Amino acid sequence: MKNLYFLLTFLITAVQPVIAQTAWRIEPGKYIGNTKLGVSGEELGKQLGHPDGGDAAMGKAWSIWYSHKADNSLDSSRYLAVYLSIGAVGSGNEGMHVKQVRINTASFKTKAGIKVGSSYASVKKAFPHISRAAVYEDTMRHKRLELYDDVKGGIAFEIAGKVCTAVTVHESGESMNTYIQFPGYEGYIKR
């Protein structure tokens, strides 16, 4: 019995750091933190609770969870956005499933240490296969966003002023532009 106790204690202490590391990891083509691609909308809801915002149309949806301030009010400047799409009827994959996960907080990072706030040069060095997928401009506020995508790898980066402002993980082989426009792009014109 004593040996069983020590074995269980060892297993718990050995596994706990791995789980904690995954919680803040970005794995291209697979997940950001504990939010994994391919998970059903129902499972996502159980994991994260009811979203703070979103938009849905024609079998596609964005669900957004915002950070909370100390007074428990929403901090809309930091978020986790999840894009879901409905599977084809008869495919065995009916229902809403996670297709993209997008974050704009520096808490999450790749194995190479790339995160929101990393320079474009660092992103390009760690992900040499990225290419510019789109450019958006807000002429009223004089802002410009460049979207870089590693389609094969399953990861994309939003770059503003040569700094990463958001990271999106998507299915490998699928462009991040396959789906509807990101929330927060209102007022931006695609160039």
Protein backbone atom coordinates (compact mmCIF):
# COMPACT_ATOMS: atom_id res chain seq x y z
CA MET A 1 0.00 0.00 0.00
CA LYS A 2 2.85 2.34 0.88
CA ASN A 3 4.48 1.67 -2.52
CA LEU A 4 1.18 2.38 -4.30
CA TYR A 5 0.95 5.74 -2.52
CA PHE A 6 4.48 6.69 -3.62
CA LEU A 7 3.79 5.53 -7.17
CA LEU A 8 0.60 7.63 -7.38
CA THR A 9 2.39 10.64 -5.89
CA PHE A 10 5.20 10.27 -8.41
CA LEU A 11 2.78 9.96 -11.35
CA ILE A 12 0.80 13.02 -10.29
CA THR A 13 3.92 15.16 -9.85
CA ALA A 14 5.36 13.91 -13.17
CA VAL A 15 2.18 14.53 -15.19
CA GLN A 16 1.14 17.86 -13.65
CA PRO A 17 3.98 19.95 -15.22
CA VAL A 18 3.22 18.46 -18.65
CA ILE A 19 -0.45 19.46 -18.35
CA ALA A 20 0.54 22.96 -17.18
CA GLN A 21 2.96 23.37 -20.10
CA THR A 22 0.28 22.36 -22.61
CA ALA A 23 -2.19 24.84 -21.12
CA TRP A 24 -0.10 27.76 -22.46
CA ARG A 25 1.33 26.11 -25.59
CA ILE A 26 0.57 26.90 -29.22
CA GLU A 27 0.85 23.76 -31.35
CA PRO A 28 0.40 24.57 -35.08
CA GLY A 29 -2.36 22.58 -36.75
CA LYS A 30 -3.55 21.21 -33.38
CA TYR A 31 -4.36 23.59 -30.53
CA ILE A 32 -3.83 26.75 -28.54
CA GLY A 33 -3.78 25.96 -24.84
CA ASN A 34 -6.55 23.52 -24.02
CA THR A 35 -8.65 24.53 -27.05
CA LYS A 36 -8.17 21.89 -29.72
CA LEU A 37 -9.11 21.81 -33.39
CA GLY A 38 -11.82 19.30 -34.29
CA VAL A 39 -13.55 19.42 -30.90
CA SER A 40 -17.35 19.61 -31.06
CA GLY A 41 -19.10 22.85 -30.19
CA GLU A 42 -20.85 21.04 -27.35
CA GLU A 43 -17.54 19.87 -25.87
CA LEU A 44 -16.07 23.37 -26.29
CA GLY A 45 -19.02 24.85 -24.40
CA LYS A 46 -18.51 22.40 -21.53
CA GLN A 47 -14.82 23.31 -21.39
CA LEU A 48 -15.05 27.11 -21.66
CA GLY A 49 -18.62 27.89 -20.65
CA HIS A 50 -20.92 30.28 -22.49
CA PRO A 51 -18.99 32.68 -24.78
CA ASP A 52 -18.97 36.41 -24.07
CA GLY A 53 -19.73 37.25 -27.70
CA GLY A 54 -19.75 35.97 -31.24
CA ASP A 55 -21.49 35.82 -34.58
CA ALA A 56 -23.07 33.02 -36.58
CA ALA A 57 -24.45 32.57 -40.10
CA MET A 58 -25.03 29.72 -42.54
CA GLY A 59 -23.42 26.91 -40.53
CA LYS A 60 -20.39 28.96 -39.47
CA ALA A 61 -19.77 30.78 -36.19
CA TRP A 62 -17.26 32.75 -34.14
CA SER A 63 -17.41 32.37 -30.36
CA ILE A 64 -15.35 34.79 -28.27
CA TRP A 65 -14.23 34.60 -24.65
CA TYR A 66 -12.80 37.81 -23.21
CA SER A 67 -10.39 38.23 -20.34
CA HIS A 68 -11.81 39.66 -17.12
CA LYS A 69 -10.50 42.60 -15.10
CA ALA A 70 -10.01 42.51 -11.31
CA ASP A 71 -13.57 43.82 -10.82
CA ASN A 72 -14.83 40.92 -13.04
CA SER A 73 -15.82 43.25 -15.89
CA LEU A 74 -14.88 42.20 -19.43
CA ASP A 75 -11.53 43.21 -20.89
CA SER A 76 -12.32 43.12 -24.61
CA SER A 77 -8.71 43.93 -25.51
CA ARG A 78 -7.66 40.32 -24.68
CA TYR A 79 -9.56 37.36 -26.04
CA LEU A 80 -9.75 33.78 -27.25
CA ALA A 81 -11.78 33.53 -30.47
CA VAL A 82 -12.88 30.16 -31.84
CA TYR A 83 -14.22 29.58 -35.34
CA LEU A 84 -16.62 26.67 -35.74
CA SER A 85 -18.18 25.15 -38.83
CA ILE A 86 -20.87 22.53 -39.30
CA GLY A 87 -19.84 19.17 -40.76
CA ALA A 88 -21.38 17.77 -43.93
CA VAL A 89 -24.55 15.73 -43.49
CA GLY A 90 -23.78 12.02 -43.66
CA SER A 91 -20.06 12.57 -43.01
CA GLY A 92 -20.25 11.19 -39.49
CA ASN A 93 -18.96 14.60 -38.40
CA GLU A 94 -22.26 16.47 -38.20
CA GLY A 95 -22.64 19.36 -35.79
CA MET A 96 -20.38 22.32 -35.12
CA HIS A 97 -16.64 21.64 -34.79
CA VAL A 98 -13.63 23.87 -34.05
CA LYS A 99 -11.78 24.87 -37.23
CA GLN A 100 -9.63 27.77 -35.97
CA VAL A 101 -8.45 29.10 -32.62
CA ARG A 102 -7.22 32.71 -32.39
CA ILE A 103 -5.62 34.57 -29.47
CA ASN A 104 -4.19 38.04 -28.96
CA THR A 105 -2.51 37.59 -25.60
CA ALA A 106 1.18 36.90 -24.97
CA SER A 107 0.42 34.18 -22.41
CA PHE A 108 0.51 31.46 -25.09
CA LYS A 109 3.65 30.58 -27.05
CA THR A 110 5.04 28.03 -29.49
CA LYS A 111 7.89 25.62 -28.71
CA ALA A 112 10.20 28.18 -30.35
CA GLY A 113 8.90 30.90 -28.00
CA ILE A 114 6.87 32.79 -30.62
CA LYS A 115 3.94 34.66 -29.10
CA VAL A 116 1.93 37.85 -29.43
CA GLY A 117 4.52 40.63 -29.17
CA SER A 118 7.21 38.72 -31.10
CA SER A 119 8.82 40.59 -33.98
CA TYR A 120 8.00 39.68 -37.57
CA ALA A 121 11.67 38.71 -38.03
CA SER A 122 11.42 36.21 -35.15
CA VAL A 123 8.17 34.78 -36.52
CA LYS A 124 9.68 34.38 -40.00
CA LYS A 125 12.79 32.71 -38.57
CA ALA A 126 10.73 30.20 -36.54
CA PHE A 127 8.17 29.65 -39.34
CA PRO A 128 10.06 30.13 -42.63
CA HIS A 129 7.13 28.87 -44.73
CA ILE A 130 4.78 31.73 -43.84
CA SER A 131 3.63 33.90 -46.70
CA ARG A 132 1.47 37.01 -46.78
CA ALA A 133 -2.14 35.92 -47.17
CA ALA A 134 -3.88 39.30 -46.94
CA VAL A 135 -3.49 42.97 -46.03
CA TYR A 136 -6.19 44.98 -44.28
CA GLU A 137 -6.20 48.77 -43.86
CA ASP A 138 -8.29 51.07 -41.73
CA THR A 139 -7.90 54.40 -43.53
CA MET A 140 -9.79 56.33 -40.84
CA ARG A 141 -7.48 55.25 -38.01
CA HIS A 142 -4.41 54.77 -40.23
CA LYS A 143 -3.89 51.16 -39.18
CA ARG A 144 -2.63 48.29 -41.28
CA LEU A 145 -2.71 44.55 -40.56
CA GLU A 146 -0.78 41.99 -42.55
CA LEU A 147 -1.80 38.35 -42.27
CA TYR A 148 0.90 35.72 -42.72
CA ASP A 149 -0.06 32.06 -43.04
CA ASP A 150 1.84 28.78 -42.99
CA VAL A 151 -0.93 26.82 -44.69
CA LYS A 152 0.86 23.47 -44.54
CA GLY A 153 1.90 23.97 -40.91
CA GLY A 154 -1.51 25.16 -39.69
CA ILE A 155 -0.55 28.50 -38.12
CA ALA A 156 -1.08 32.15 -39.05
CA PHE A 157 0.06 35.48 -37.62
CA GLU A 158 -1.38 38.99 -37.67
CA ILE A 159 1.39 41.55 -37.95
CA ALA A 160 0.98 45.28 -37.29
CA GLY A 161 4.04 47.51 -37.39
CA LYS A 162 6.37 44.49 -37.67
CA VAL A 163 5.02 43.00 -34.41
CA CYS A 164 2.76 39.97 -33.99
CA THR A 165 -0.63 41.06 -32.62
CA ALA A 166 -2.55 37.75 -32.86
CA VAL A 167 -1.92 34.06 -33.58
CA THR A 168 -4.35 31.66 -35.25
CA VAL A 169 -4.06 27.89 -35.34
CA HIS A 170 -5.99 26.19 -38.13
CA GLU A 171 -6.16 22.79 -39.77
CA SER A 172 -2.95 21.92 -41.63
CA GLY A 173 -3.44 22.33 -45.38
CA GLU A 174 -6.33 24.81 -44.95
CA SER A 175 -5.77 28.52 -45.46
CA MET A 176 -6.83 30.74 -42.57
CA ASN A 177 -8.83 32.71 -45.16
CA THR A 178 -10.96 29.65 -45.99
CA TYR A 179 -13.59 30.86 -43.55
CA ILE A 180 -15.45 34.05 -42.63
CA GLN A 181 -13.67 37.26 -41.69
CA PHE A 182 -12.24 37.58 -38.18
CA PRO A 183 -14.18 39.52 -35.57
CA GLY A 184 -12.59 42.91 -34.92
CA TYR A 185 -11.92 43.58 -38.61
CA GLU A 186 -14.92 45.87 -38.95
CA GLY A 187 -13.73 49.10 -40.57
CA TYR A 188 -10.78 47.40 -42.27
CA ILE A 189 -10.65 47.15 -46.06
CA LYS A 190 -8.94 44.16 -47.64
CA ARG A 191 -6.24 45.35 -50.05
